[in-house]
Amino acid sequence: MATNIRGNNDGEHGENDSYTIHGRGVVDRDTLVNEVNNGQHPNHHVVNVNGQEYVRSNPDSTESNNINKD
């Protein structure tokens, strides 16, 4: 279970094609989306943007903890 996930903004238009998880390294978007959908990272959820799924953190009061807040 990851508590700190960072989007890498490494897609063609700055979207997150991969994420970095502290202590684990870089994880591709599809893998992380599947893990979040399977409940492995309960402080995160999946959003659909223009037909693509991305991981977002559940918002809290600390902006620095939030992956590309929506």
C-alpha atoms as a PDB file:
ATOM      1  CA  MET A   1       0.000   0.000   0.000  1.00  0.00           C
ATOM      2  CA  ALA A   2       1.509   3.287  -1.100  1.00  0.00           C
ATOM      3  CA  THR A   3       0.977   6.448   0.877  1.00  0.00           C
ATOM      4  CA  ASN A   4       3.068   8.685  -1.362  1.00  0.00           C
ATOM      5  CA  ILE A   5       2.534   8.441  -5.132  1.00  0.00           C
ATOM      6  CA  ARG A   6       3.881  11.091  -7.504  1.00  0.00           C
ATOM      7  CA  GLY A   7       2.783  11.603 -11.096  1.00  0.00           C
ATOM      8  CA  ASN A   8       5.744  11.870 -13.476  1.00  0.00           C
ATOM      9  CA  ASN A   9       4.106  14.132 -16.104  1.00  0.00           C
ATOM     10  CA  ASP A  10       5.966  12.076 -18.712  1.00  0.00           C
ATOM     11  CA  GLY A  11       3.252  11.724 -21.351  1.00  0.00           C
ATOM     12  CA  GLU A  12       3.264  13.462 -24.721  1.00  0.00           C
ATOM     13  CA  HIS A  13       1.125  16.320 -23.378  1.00  0.00           C
ATOM     14  CA  GLY A  14       2.355  16.290 -19.776  1.00  0.00           C
ATOM     15  CA  GLU A  15      -0.070  13.621 -18.559  1.00  0.00           C
ATOM     16  CA  ASN A  16       1.094  10.872 -16.220  1.00  0.00           C
ATOM     17  CA  ASP A  17       2.116   7.801 -18.200  1.00  0.00           C
ATOM     18  CA  SER A  18       3.924   6.579 -15.093  1.00  0.00           C
ATOM     19  CA  TYR A  19       4.067   7.287 -11.380  1.00  0.00           C
ATOM     20  CA  THR A  20       6.804   7.067  -8.786  1.00  0.00           C
ATOM     21  CA  ILE A  21       6.098   5.269  -5.521  1.00  0.00           C
ATOM     22  CA  HIS A  22       8.577   5.941  -2.727  1.00  0.00           C
ATOM     23  CA  GLY A  23      10.476   2.742  -1.957  1.00  0.00           C
ATOM     24  CA  ARG A  24       9.225   1.004  -5.101  1.00  0.00           C
ATOM     25  CA  GLY A  25      10.269   3.193  -8.002  1.00  0.00           C
ATOM     26  CA  VAL A  26       8.506   3.925 -11.285  1.00  0.00           C
ATOM     27  CA  VAL A  27       5.217   2.139 -12.034  1.00  0.00           C
ATOM     28  CA  ASP A  28       3.429   2.430 -15.376  1.00  0.00           C
ATOM     29  CA  ARG A  29      -0.053   3.965 -15.421  1.00  0.00           C
ATOM     30  CA  ASP A  30      -1.971   0.805 -16.395  1.00  0.00           C
ATOM     31  CA  THR A  31      -0.380  -1.214 -13.579  1.00  0.00           C
ATOM     32  CA  LEU A  32      -1.121   1.442 -10.981  1.00  0.00           C
ATOM     33  CA  VAL A  33      -4.705   1.932 -12.213  1.00  0.00           C
ATOM     34  CA  ASN A  34      -5.279  -1.827 -11.808  1.00  0.00           C
ATOM     35  CA  GLU A  35      -3.771  -1.796  -8.318  1.00  0.00           C
ATOM     36  CA  VAL A  36      -5.958   1.142  -7.229  1.00  0.00           C
ATOM     37  CA  ASN A  37      -9.068  -0.498  -8.706  1.00  0.00           C
ATOM     38  CA  ASN A  38      -8.179  -3.657  -6.752  1.00  0.00           C
ATOM     39  CA  GLY A  39      -8.013  -1.700  -3.493  1.00  0.00           C
ATOM     40  CA  GLN A  40      -4.256  -1.892  -3.016  1.00  0.00           C
ATOM     41  CA  HIS A  41      -3.892   1.878  -2.468  1.00  0.00           C
ATOM     42  CA  PRO A  42      -6.962   2.945  -0.465  1.00  0.00           C
ATOM     43  CA  ASN A  43      -6.006   6.630  -0.268  1.00  0.00           C
ATOM     44  CA  HIS A  44      -6.230   6.917  -4.061  1.00  0.00           C
ATOM     45  CA  HIS A  45      -8.887   6.666  -6.759  1.00  0.00           C
ATOM     46  CA  VAL A  46      -9.097   6.437 -10.553  1.00  0.00           C
ATOM     47  CA  VAL A  47     -10.456   9.177 -12.814  1.00  0.00           C
ATOM     48  CA  ASN A  48     -11.316   8.964 -16.499  1.00  0.00           C
ATOM     49  CA  VAL A  49     -10.032  11.877 -18.585  1.00  0.00           C
ATOM     50  CA  ASN A  50     -10.818  11.800 -22.302  1.00  0.00           C
ATOM     51  CA  GLY A  51     -11.125   8.008 -22.253  1.00  0.00           C
ATOM     52  CA  GLN A  52      -7.892   7.407 -20.321  1.00  0.00           C
ATOM     53  CA  GLU A  53      -7.743   6.335 -16.688  1.00  0.00           C
ATOM     54  CA  TYR A  54      -5.395   8.095 -14.274  1.00  0.00           C
ATOM     55  CA  VAL A  55      -4.661   7.746 -10.566  1.00  0.00           C
ATOM     56  CA  ARG A  56      -5.444  10.602  -8.199  1.00  0.00           C
ATOM     57  CA  SER A  57      -4.999  10.824  -4.467  1.00  0.00           C
ATOM     58  CA  ASN A  58      -8.012  11.360  -2.282  1.00  0.00           C
ATOM     59  CA  PRO A  59      -7.801  15.071  -1.428  1.00  0.00           C
ATOM     60  CA  ASP A  60      -6.669  16.141   1.982  1.00  0.00           C
ATOM     61  CA  SER A  61      -5.704  19.452   3.519  1.00  0.00           C
ATOM     62  CA  THR A  62      -2.062  19.168   2.402  1.00  0.00           C
ATOM     63  CA  GLU A  63      -1.806  20.096  -1.269  1.00  0.00           C
ATOM     64  CA  SER A  64       1.683  18.595  -1.577  1.00  0.00           C
ATOM     65  CA  ASN A  65       0.195  15.136  -0.838  1.00  0.00           C
ATOM     66  CA  ASN A  66      -2.249  15.280  -3.747  1.00  0.00           C
ATOM     67  CA  ILE A  67      -1.433  13.850  -7.202  1.00  0.00           C
ATOM     68  CA  ASN A  68      -2.579  16.394  -9.776  1.00  0.00           C
ATOM     69  CA  LYS A  69      -5.625  17.271  -7.725  1.00  0.00           C
ATOM     70  CA  ASP A  70      -8.917  17.325  -9.601  1.00  0.00           C
END
